[in-house]
Structure formats: C-alpha cells, structure tokens
C-alpha cells in the first residue's frame, strides 16, 4: 500500500503563509512532497518562508503576495499558480487575526476588520480556488477555525469567537455544496498556539502556567502540533472526510 499521507505531485496554496501557524503548515506540506505556494501581503516575509521550505524540505516553493480581502488580488494569485503549475490540489487558509475589545464598547469598525479578514478572506479564497478545483473535479481545502468557533471565551473575544463560528459553518456549507464536484472542505481548530503574536504568554511563566492548566494535556500548543492534522486532511488518507473540524487542543474541547 502506498503512503497515503504523502503529497507528491500536489500543488498547495497556503494563504497566511507568513504567520506562525501558516509557516509551520506550509513547511509540513513541503516535507510531504507538495509544491507549496505561500502567500500573504508581505512579499519579503513570504520570500523567506519559501526559501526555508525549499532548503529544509527539498520541495519546490513559490512566494506570491496577495490580499485575501481583495477578490481581484486572490484571482491574480490563482491565475499565476495555474499558469505555472496547471492546477491547484490543496488550499490551506491559515490567515487570521484577533482584536480584543470589551463587548459593551466593541467598536464596530474593529468588528468589521475581524470579519473582513477571518470570514470574508476565507470565503473569497475558497470561492476563487474552488472554481479551479471544480474544473479539475478534485481538491482539498482546510480552513483555520479555532476552539473559539464552538466555545465562547472571556477577555474581549466576542468578535473573534463570532468569526470562527462563521468559519465553522462556511466549512460545513461548502463541504455539502461542493461534494458533487469532488472538493473536500475541512477545518483545523487549534486551542492557544504560541506564535509571534502570543509569545509574550510563553515568556511569562505565571501566564503560561495559567493557560497550560486549562488544557487537559497540561501544555500550550505549538505551530508544529498543527501540522499532522492538516497533512492528514489534505492527503488521500482523508479521501472520505469532509465537513469536519479537527480540534488540535490537547483535549480542551472534550470537556
């Protein structure tokens, strides 16, 4: 039996590829043999990620800047990938942001910013890449959700929770609508992960202990912890899996 988790010959696009989780996922796909196109708004940053993928994994990598909140920008990205490689087999939407505000005084402009990136950006990338996958009659999409997509949380996270709940249902709705076209749509649901944006938690022993204590496995997640689930969802091993969210959370959502 062939190795069902290998991605040799596959072309993968990773939006948000410059982020802590996005970079780890892009590297993971490269280690499994995929050609990886990393994208975000900052060309210099994704150039460095693409170079790292090529050097560390031996897989081909390409850096193409795009803004997921601008459909024409995504279309240009997709057109460039299809022109170069002739197809797109995998889309990983790894971009995301959080703006924490007290719900009594939540500025609606901040609410809109969150939905612009986390929700509109996810749907726009799915839509544009999905049309390519429809014409191929095959493809695998993984969206970045969160444990906050199914569990509320304090600390000014109402907006973030709302966007991730939306990503959960975008994932399920597209999985149903696009199944006849051979497109599988799933999601990754991390708990807290230490990235450049959350490294202050790891650097504060008391704060780190507080967050770790809430996780049944007793530690905070790292970007590398997310890789296996995404490789699985993008691979032939998950050929009958769609509309699901895998919560990589140390057991947090089991309670």
C-alpha atoms as a PDB file:
ATOM      1  CA  UNK A   1       0.000   0.000   0.000  1.00  0.00           C
ATOM      2  CA  UNK A   2       1.304   3.436  -0.907  1.00  0.00           C
ATOM      3  CA  UNK A   3       1.964   6.025   1.772  1.00  0.00           C
ATOM      4  CA  UNK A   4      -1.453   7.680   1.972  1.00  0.00           C
ATOM      5  CA  UNK A   5      -0.052  10.737   3.727  1.00  0.00           C
ATOM      6  CA  UNK A   6       2.418  11.706   1.008  1.00  0.00           C
ATOM      7  CA  UNK A   7       1.560  14.716  -1.153  1.00  0.00           C
ATOM      8  CA  UNK A   8       3.974  14.163  -4.018  1.00  0.00           C
ATOM      9  CA  UNK A   9       2.784  15.812  -7.216  1.00  0.00           C
ATOM     10  CA  UNK A  10       0.285  18.015  -5.378  1.00  0.00           C
ATOM     11  CA  UNK A  11       0.232  21.803  -5.659  1.00  0.00           C
ATOM     12  CA  UNK A  12      -0.732  23.530  -2.404  1.00  0.00           C
ATOM     13  CA  UNK A  13      -1.582  27.188  -1.817  1.00  0.00           C
ATOM     14  CA  UNK A  14      -1.226  28.432   1.764  1.00  0.00           C
ATOM     15  CA  UNK A  15      -2.746  31.831   2.498  1.00  0.00           C
ATOM     16  CA  UNK A  16      -1.425  33.430   5.662  1.00  0.00           C
ATOM     17  CA  UNK A  17       1.778  31.557   4.969  1.00  0.00           C
ATOM     18  CA  UNK A  18       3.891  34.156   6.764  1.00  0.00           C
ATOM     19  CA  UNK A  19       2.173  33.622  10.121  1.00  0.00           C
ATOM     20  CA  UNK A  20       3.395  31.299  12.841  1.00  0.00           C
ATOM     21  CA  UNK A  21       0.831  28.588  12.121  1.00  0.00           C
ATOM     22  CA  UNK A  22       0.821  29.216   8.364  1.00  0.00           C
ATOM     23  CA  UNK A  23       4.575  28.836   8.057  1.00  0.00           C
ATOM     24  CA  UNK A  24       4.549  25.580  10.020  1.00  0.00           C
ATOM     25  CA  UNK A  25       1.757  24.191   7.848  1.00  0.00           C
ATOM     26  CA  UNK A  26       3.500  25.238   4.636  1.00  0.00           C
ATOM     27  CA  UNK A  27       6.696  23.518   5.787  1.00  0.00           C
ATOM     28  CA  UNK A  28       4.733  20.414   6.743  1.00  0.00           C
ATOM     29  CA  UNK A  29       3.170  20.162   3.301  1.00  0.00           C
ATOM     30  CA  UNK A  30       6.609  20.592   1.746  1.00  0.00           C
ATOM     31  CA  UNK A  31       8.059  17.794   3.876  1.00  0.00           C
ATOM     32  CA  UNK A  32       5.360  15.510   2.479  1.00  0.00           C
ATOM     33  CA  UNK A  33       6.357  16.317  -1.097  1.00  0.00           C
ATOM     34  CA  UNK A  34       3.894  19.034  -2.110  1.00  0.00           C
ATOM     35  CA  UNK A  35       4.859  22.011  -4.223  1.00  0.00           C
ATOM     36  CA  UNK A  36       3.951  24.883  -1.919  1.00  0.00           C
ATOM     37  CA  UNK A  37       2.818  28.372  -2.874  1.00  0.00           C
ATOM     38  CA  UNK A  38       2.946  30.630   0.188  1.00  0.00           C
ATOM     39  CA  UNK A  39       1.001  33.855   0.187  1.00  0.00           C
ATOM     40  CA  UNK A  40       0.381  36.877   2.380  1.00  0.00           C
ATOM     41  CA  UNK A  41       0.522  40.628   1.848  1.00  0.00           C
ATOM     42  CA  UNK A  42       4.246  40.994   2.648  1.00  0.00           C
ATOM     43  CA  UNK A  43       6.417  39.761  -0.230  1.00  0.00           C
ATOM     44  CA  UNK A  44       9.671  39.920   1.726  1.00  0.00           C
ATOM     45  CA  UNK A  45       8.309  37.756   4.522  1.00  0.00           C
ATOM     46  CA  UNK A  46       6.905  35.057   2.268  1.00  0.00           C
ATOM     47  CA  UNK A  47      10.097  35.046   0.205  1.00  0.00           C
ATOM     48  CA  UNK A  48      11.909  33.971   3.380  1.00  0.00           C
ATOM     49  CA  UNK A  49       9.311  31.261   4.072  1.00  0.00           C
ATOM     50  CA  UNK A  50       9.531  29.904   0.528  1.00  0.00           C
ATOM     51  CA  UNK A  51      13.324  29.795   0.782  1.00  0.00           C
ATOM     52  CA  UNK A  52      13.057  27.918   4.074  1.00  0.00           C
ATOM     53  CA  UNK A  53      10.686  25.364   2.552  1.00  0.00           C
ATOM     54  CA  UNK A  54      12.989  24.742  -0.411  1.00  0.00           C
ATOM     55  CA  UNK A  55      16.084  24.466   1.763  1.00  0.00           C
ATOM     56  CA  UNK A  56      14.645  22.313   4.531  1.00  0.00           C
ATOM     57  CA  UNK A  57      12.282  20.033   2.609  1.00  0.00           C
ATOM     58  CA  UNK A  58      13.694  19.878  -0.903  1.00  0.00           C
ATOM     59  CA  UNK A  59      10.244  20.621  -2.314  1.00  0.00           C
ATOM     60  CA  UNK A  60       9.601  23.426  -4.751  1.00  0.00           C
ATOM     61  CA  UNK A  61       8.202  26.577  -3.160  1.00  0.00           C
ATOM     62  CA  UNK A  62       6.942  29.831  -4.595  1.00  0.00           C
ATOM     63  CA  UNK A  63       6.075  33.102  -2.835  1.00  0.00           C
ATOM     64  CA  UNK A  64       3.222  35.163  -4.281  1.00  0.00           C
ATOM     65  CA  UNK A  65       1.854  38.167  -2.429  1.00  0.00           C
ATOM     66  CA  UNK A  66      -1.920  38.613  -2.236  1.00  0.00           C
ATOM     67  CA  UNK A  67      -4.569  40.237  -0.064  1.00  0.00           C
ATOM     68  CA  UNK A  68      -7.332  37.778   0.818  1.00  0.00           C
ATOM     69  CA  UNK A  69      -9.794  40.611   1.433  1.00  0.00           C
ATOM     70  CA  UNK A  70      -9.459  41.691  -2.219  1.00  0.00           C
ATOM     71  CA  UNK A  71     -11.012  39.203  -4.630  1.00  0.00           C
ATOM     72  CA  UNK A  72      -9.082  40.566  -7.613  1.00  0.00           C
ATOM     73  CA  UNK A  73      -5.835  40.046  -5.692  1.00  0.00           C
ATOM     74  CA  UNK A  74      -6.760  36.444  -4.951  1.00  0.00           C
ATOM     75  CA  UNK A  75      -7.747  35.924  -8.577  1.00  0.00           C
ATOM     76  CA  UNK A  76      -4.345  37.187  -9.720  1.00  0.00           C
ATOM     77  CA  UNK A  77      -2.657  34.787  -7.286  1.00  0.00           C
ATOM     78  CA  UNK A  78      -4.701  31.838  -8.513  1.00  0.00           C
ATOM     79  CA  UNK A  79      -4.166  32.732 -12.171  1.00  0.00           C
ATOM     80  CA  UNK A  80      -0.397  32.846 -11.602  1.00  0.00           C
ATOM     81  CA  UNK A  81      -0.385  29.457  -9.866  1.00  0.00           C
ATOM     82  CA  UNK A  82      -2.490  27.809 -12.567  1.00  0.00           C
ATOM     83  CA  UNK A  83      -0.365  29.355 -15.319  1.00  0.00           C
ATOM     84  CA  UNK A  84       2.803  27.972 -13.734  1.00  0.00           C
ATOM     85  CA  UNK A  85       1.603  24.596 -12.469  1.00  0.00           C
ATOM     86  CA  UNK A  86      -1.625  23.931 -14.343  1.00  0.00           C
ATOM     87  CA  UNK A  87      -3.657  23.101 -11.235  1.00  0.00           C
ATOM     88  CA  UNK A  88      -4.277  23.637  -7.531  1.00  0.00           C
ATOM     89  CA  UNK A  89      -4.835  20.495  -5.459  1.00  0.00           C
ATOM     90  CA  UNK A  90      -4.786  21.970  -1.941  1.00  0.00           C
ATOM     91  CA  UNK A  91      -5.825  25.237  -0.346  1.00  0.00           C
ATOM     92  CA  UNK A  92      -4.955  25.954   3.285  1.00  0.00           C
ATOM     93  CA  UNK A  93      -6.469  29.179   4.600  1.00  0.00           C
ATOM     94  CA  UNK A  94      -4.136  29.865   7.527  1.00  0.00           C
ATOM     95  CA  UNK A  95      -4.664  33.606   7.848  1.00  0.00           C
ATOM     96  CA  UNK A  96      -6.438  35.094  10.818  1.00  0.00           C
ATOM     97  CA  UNK A  97      -6.401  37.932  13.322  1.00  0.00           C
ATOM     98  CA  UNK A  98      -7.891  38.942  16.652  1.00  0.00           C
ATOM     99  CA  UNK A  99      -8.868  42.319  18.049  1.00  0.00           C
ATOM    100  CA  UNK A 100      -9.847  42.060  21.708  1.00  0.00           C
ATOM    101  CA  UNK A 101     -12.394  44.581  22.914  1.00  0.00           C
ATOM    102  CA  UNK A 102     -14.876  44.728  25.776  1.00  0.00           C
ATOM    103  CA  UNK A 103     -18.264  43.724  24.355  1.00  0.00           C
ATOM    104  CA  UNK A 104     -20.097  46.671  25.971  1.00  0.00           C
ATOM    105  CA  UNK A 105     -17.942  49.083  23.977  1.00  0.00           C
ATOM    106  CA  UNK A 106     -16.887  46.979  20.967  1.00  0.00           C
ATOM    107  CA  UNK A 107     -16.031  49.425  18.146  1.00  0.00           C
ATOM    108  CA  UNK A 108     -17.894  48.157  15.106  1.00  0.00           C
ATOM    109  CA  UNK A 109     -15.025  49.177  12.856  1.00  0.00           C
ATOM    110  CA  UNK A 110     -12.871  46.632  14.698  1.00  0.00           C
ATOM    111  CA  UNK A 111     -15.664  44.070  14.376  1.00  0.00           C
ATOM    112  CA  UNK A 112     -15.702  44.734  10.629  1.00  0.00           C
ATOM    113  CA  UNK A 113     -11.913  44.329  10.389  1.00  0.00           C
ATOM    114  CA  UNK A 114     -12.132  40.906  12.023  1.00  0.00           C
ATOM    115  CA  UNK A 115     -14.881  39.737   9.684  1.00  0.00           C
ATOM    116  CA  UNK A 116     -13.064  41.221   6.697  1.00  0.00           C
ATOM    117  CA  UNK A 117     -10.005  39.012   7.250  1.00  0.00           C
ATOM    118  CA  UNK A 118     -11.268  35.936   9.087  1.00  0.00           C
ATOM    119  CA  UNK A 119     -14.586  35.437   7.312  1.00  0.00           C
ATOM    120  CA  UNK A 120     -14.578  37.335   4.022  1.00  0.00           C
ATOM    121  CA  UNK A 121     -10.959  36.363   3.372  1.00  0.00           C
ATOM    122  CA  UNK A 122     -11.682  32.689   3.985  1.00  0.00           C
ATOM    123  CA  UNK A 123     -14.751  32.664   1.761  1.00  0.00           C
ATOM    124  CA  UNK A 124     -13.099  34.660  -1.007  1.00  0.00           C
ATOM    125  CA  UNK A 125     -10.099  32.312  -1.195  1.00  0.00           C
ATOM    126  CA  UNK A 126     -12.375  29.251  -1.104  1.00  0.00           C
ATOM    127  CA  UNK A 127     -14.531  30.704  -3.870  1.00  0.00           C
ATOM    128  CA  UNK A 128     -11.734  31.585  -6.283  1.00  0.00           C
ATOM    129  CA  UNK A 129      -9.650  28.442  -5.712  1.00  0.00           C
ATOM    130  CA  UNK A 130     -12.819  26.351  -5.549  1.00  0.00           C
ATOM    131  CA  UNK A 131     -13.636  27.194  -9.163  1.00  0.00           C
ATOM    132  CA  UNK A 132     -10.281  25.755 -10.238  1.00  0.00           C
ATOM    133  CA  UNK A 133     -10.902  22.626  -8.173  1.00  0.00           C
ATOM    134  CA  UNK A 134     -14.416  22.308  -9.616  1.00  0.00           C
ATOM    135  CA  UNK A 135     -12.985  22.248 -13.140  1.00  0.00           C
ATOM    136  CA  UNK A 136     -10.442  19.607 -12.034  1.00  0.00           C
ATOM    137  CA  UNK A 137     -13.191  17.715 -10.193  1.00  0.00           C
ATOM    138  CA  UNK A 138     -10.891  17.309  -7.205  1.00  0.00           C
ATOM    139  CA  UNK A 139      -9.350  19.303  -4.409  1.00  0.00           C
ATOM    140  CA  UNK A 140      -8.902  19.620  -0.661  1.00  0.00           C
ATOM    141  CA  UNK A 141      -9.475  22.802   1.351  1.00  0.00           C
ATOM    142  CA  UNK A 142      -8.573  23.334   5.016  1.00  0.00           C
ATOM    143  CA  UNK A 143      -9.786  26.474   6.791  1.00  0.00           C
ATOM    144  CA  UNK A 144      -8.358  27.827  10.026  1.00  0.00           C
ATOM    145  CA  UNK A 145     -11.030  27.731  12.715  1.00  0.00           C
ATOM    146  CA  UNK A 146     -10.450  27.616  16.477  1.00  0.00           C
ATOM    147  CA  UNK A 147     -11.814  26.082  19.642  1.00  0.00           C
ATOM    148  CA  UNK A 148     -13.391  29.539  19.943  1.00  0.00           C
ATOM    149  CA  UNK A 149     -15.586  28.658  16.989  1.00  0.00           C
ATOM    150  CA  UNK A 150     -17.624  26.368  19.232  1.00  0.00           C
ATOM    151  CA  UNK A 151     -16.831  27.638  22.748  1.00  0.00           C
ATOM    152  CA  UNK A 152     -17.175  31.195  23.974  1.00  0.00           C
ATOM    153  CA  UNK A 153     -14.407  32.873  25.901  1.00  0.00           C
ATOM    154  CA  UNK A 154     -13.941  35.969  28.033  1.00  0.00           C
ATOM    155  CA  UNK A 155     -11.297  38.661  27.703  1.00  0.00           C
ATOM    156  CA  UNK A 156     -12.763  40.641  24.838  1.00  0.00           C
ATOM    157  CA  UNK A 157     -13.034  37.746  22.404  1.00  0.00           C
ATOM    158  CA  UNK A 158     -16.644  38.154  21.265  1.00  0.00           C
ATOM    159  CA  UNK A 159     -15.621  39.279  17.789  1.00  0.00           C
ATOM    160  CA  UNK A 160     -13.033  36.539  17.356  1.00  0.00           C
ATOM    161  CA  UNK A 161     -15.446  33.854  18.540  1.00  0.00           C
ATOM    162  CA  UNK A 162     -18.073  35.118  16.110  1.00  0.00           C
ATOM    163  CA  UNK A 163     -15.700  34.989  13.146  1.00  0.00           C
ATOM    164  CA  UNK A 164     -14.508  31.489  13.939  1.00  0.00           C
ATOM    165  CA  UNK A 165     -18.094  30.298  14.364  1.00  0.00           C
ATOM    166  CA  UNK A 166     -18.697  31.663  10.869  1.00  0.00           C
ATOM    167  CA  UNK A 167     -15.657  29.786   9.524  1.00  0.00           C
ATOM    168  CA  UNK A 168     -17.040  26.579  11.057  1.00  0.00           C
ATOM    169  CA  UNK A 169     -20.300  26.913   9.136  1.00  0.00           C
ATOM    170  CA  UNK A 170     -18.675  28.126   5.914  1.00  0.00           C
ATOM    171  CA  UNK A 171     -16.659  24.907   6.066  1.00  0.00           C
ATOM    172  CA  UNK A 172     -19.722  22.720   6.558  1.00  0.00           C
ATOM    173  CA  UNK A 173     -21.818  24.530   3.953  1.00  0.00           C
ATOM    174  CA  UNK A 174     -19.118  24.350   1.282  1.00  0.00           C
ATOM    175  CA  UNK A 175     -18.437  20.692   2.077  1.00  0.00           C
ATOM    176  CA  UNK A 176     -22.072  19.920   1.298  1.00  0.00           C
ATOM    177  CA  UNK A 177     -22.363  22.165  -1.735  1.00  0.00           C
ATOM    178  CA  UNK A 178     -19.085  21.154  -3.318  1.00  0.00           C
ATOM    179  CA  UNK A 179     -19.024  17.412  -2.599  1.00  0.00           C
ATOM    180  CA  UNK A 180     -20.510  16.600  -6.049  1.00  0.00           C
ATOM    181  CA  UNK A 181     -17.581  18.500  -7.580  1.00  0.00           C
ATOM    182  CA  UNK A 182     -15.031  16.300  -5.807  1.00  0.00           C
ATOM    183  CA  UNK A 183     -13.937  19.036  -3.400  1.00  0.00           C
ATOM    184  CA  UNK A 184     -13.416  18.221   0.267  1.00  0.00           C
ATOM    185  CA  UNK A 185     -13.642  21.107   2.762  1.00  0.00           C
ATOM    186  CA  UNK A 186     -12.495  20.707   6.362  1.00  0.00           C
ATOM    187  CA  UNK A 187     -11.124  22.889   9.139  1.00  0.00           C
ATOM    188  CA  UNK A 188      -8.405  22.950  11.771  1.00  0.00           C
ATOM    189  CA  UNK A 189      -9.461  24.064  15.261  1.00  0.00           C
ATOM    190  CA  UNK A 190      -6.463  24.935  17.450  1.00  0.00           C
ATOM    191  CA  UNK A 191      -6.528  25.988  21.066  1.00  0.00           C
ATOM    192  CA  UNK A 192      -3.994  28.638  22.060  1.00  0.00           C
ATOM    193  CA  UNK A 193      -0.830  28.278  19.977  1.00  0.00           C
ATOM    194  CA  UNK A 194       2.437  30.073  20.660  1.00  0.00           C
ATOM    195  CA  UNK A 195       3.188  32.274  17.656  1.00  0.00           C
ATOM    196  CA  UNK A 196       4.933  35.644  17.306  1.00  0.00           C
ATOM    197  CA  UNK A 197       1.664  37.243  18.362  1.00  0.00           C
ATOM    198  CA  UNK A 198       1.314  35.166  21.538  1.00  0.00           C
ATOM    199  CA  UNK A 199       4.958  34.620  22.504  1.00  0.00           C
ATOM    200  CA  UNK A 200       4.511  37.001  25.426  1.00  0.00           C
ATOM    201  CA  UNK A 201       2.481  34.248  27.088  1.00  0.00           C
ATOM    202  CA  UNK A 202       5.296  31.718  26.810  1.00  0.00           C
ATOM    203  CA  UNK A 203       7.747  34.308  28.112  1.00  0.00           C
ATOM    204  CA  UNK A 204       5.693  34.911  31.269  1.00  0.00           C
ATOM    205  CA  UNK A 205       5.941  31.801  33.493  1.00  0.00           C
ATOM    206  CA  UNK A 206       2.844  32.652  35.527  1.00  0.00           C
ATOM    207  CA  UNK A 207       0.742  33.416  32.485  1.00  0.00           C
ATOM    208  CA  UNK A 208       1.985  30.314  30.659  1.00  0.00           C
ATOM    209  CA  UNK A 209       1.164  28.155  33.682  1.00  0.00           C
ATOM    210  CA  UNK A 210      -2.343  29.625  33.810  1.00  0.00           C
ATOM    211  CA  UNK A 211      -3.085  28.770  30.178  1.00  0.00           C
ATOM    212  CA  UNK A 212      -1.449  25.348  30.385  1.00  0.00           C
ATOM    213  CA  UNK A 213      -3.515  24.473  33.452  1.00  0.00           C
ATOM    214  CA  UNK A 214      -6.703  24.854  31.398  1.00  0.00           C
ATOM    215  CA  UNK A 215      -5.541  22.210  28.919  1.00  0.00           C
ATOM    216  CA  UNK A 216      -6.029  18.550  29.928  1.00  0.00           C
ATOM    217  CA  UNK A 217      -2.642  17.624  28.449  1.00  0.00           C
ATOM    218  CA  UNK A 218      -1.039  20.341  30.580  1.00  0.00           C
ATOM    219  CA  UNK A 219       0.751  22.402  27.975  1.00  0.00           C
ATOM    220  CA  UNK A 220       0.207  25.102  25.373  1.00  0.00           C
ATOM    221  CA  UNK A 221       0.171  24.209  21.683  1.00  0.00           C
ATOM    222  CA  UNK A 222       2.984  24.943  19.265  1.00  0.00           C
ATOM    223  CA  UNK A 223       2.659  25.536  15.496  1.00  0.00           C
ATOM    224  CA  UNK A 224       4.270  22.169  14.803  1.00  0.00           C
ATOM    225  CA  UNK A 225       1.425  20.460  16.683  1.00  0.00           C
ATOM    226  CA  UNK A 226      -0.955  21.580  13.923  1.00  0.00           C
ATOM    227  CA  UNK A 227       0.901  20.018  11.023  1.00  0.00           C
ATOM    228  CA  UNK A 228      -0.163  16.375  11.277  1.00  0.00           C
ATOM    229  CA  UNK A 229      -3.881  17.143  11.213  1.00  0.00           C
ATOM    230  CA  UNK A 230      -3.562  19.349   8.141  1.00  0.00           C
ATOM    231  CA  UNK A 231      -1.371  16.869   6.269  1.00  0.00           C
ATOM    232  CA  UNK A 232      -3.997  14.204   7.007  1.00  0.00           C
ATOM    233  CA  UNK A 233      -6.870  16.392   5.788  1.00  0.00           C
ATOM    234  CA  UNK A 234      -5.006  17.239   2.566  1.00  0.00           C
ATOM    235  CA  UNK A 235      -3.953  13.667   1.841  1.00  0.00           C
ATOM    236  CA  UNK A 236      -5.553  10.579   0.312  1.00  0.00           C
ATOM    237  CA  UNK A 237      -5.856   9.215   3.843  1.00  0.00           C
ATOM    238  CA  UNK A 238      -8.777  11.638   4.288  1.00  0.00           C
ATOM    239  CA  UNK A 239     -10.430  10.934   0.934  1.00  0.00           C
ATOM    240  CA  UNK A 240     -13.804  10.267   2.653  1.00  0.00           C
ATOM    241  CA  UNK A 241     -13.553  13.108   5.187  1.00  0.00           C
ATOM    242  CA  UNK A 242     -15.349  16.392   4.545  1.00  0.00           C
ATOM    243  CA  UNK A 243     -17.214  18.995   6.563  1.00  0.00           C
ATOM    244  CA  UNK A 244     -15.232  18.227   9.704  1.00  0.00           C
ATOM    245  CA  UNK A 245     -13.136  20.254  12.116  1.00  0.00           C
ATOM    246  CA  UNK A 246     -10.201  18.581  13.820  1.00  0.00           C
ATOM    247  CA  UNK A 247      -9.594  20.272  17.169  1.00  0.00           C
ATOM    248  CA  UNK A 248      -5.898  20.141  17.960  1.00  0.00           C
ATOM    249  CA  UNK A 249      -6.331  21.355  21.509  1.00  0.00           C
ATOM    250  CA  UNK A 250      -4.748  18.974  23.994  1.00  0.00           C
ATOM    251  CA  UNK A 251      -8.201  17.685  24.949  1.00  0.00           C
ATOM    252  CA  UNK A 252      -9.706  21.102  25.741  1.00  0.00           C
ATOM    253  CA  UNK A 253     -12.964  20.588  23.868  1.00  0.00           C
ATOM    254  CA  UNK A 254     -13.505  17.098  25.290  1.00  0.00           C
ATOM    255  CA  UNK A 255     -14.972  18.649  28.434  1.00  0.00           C
END
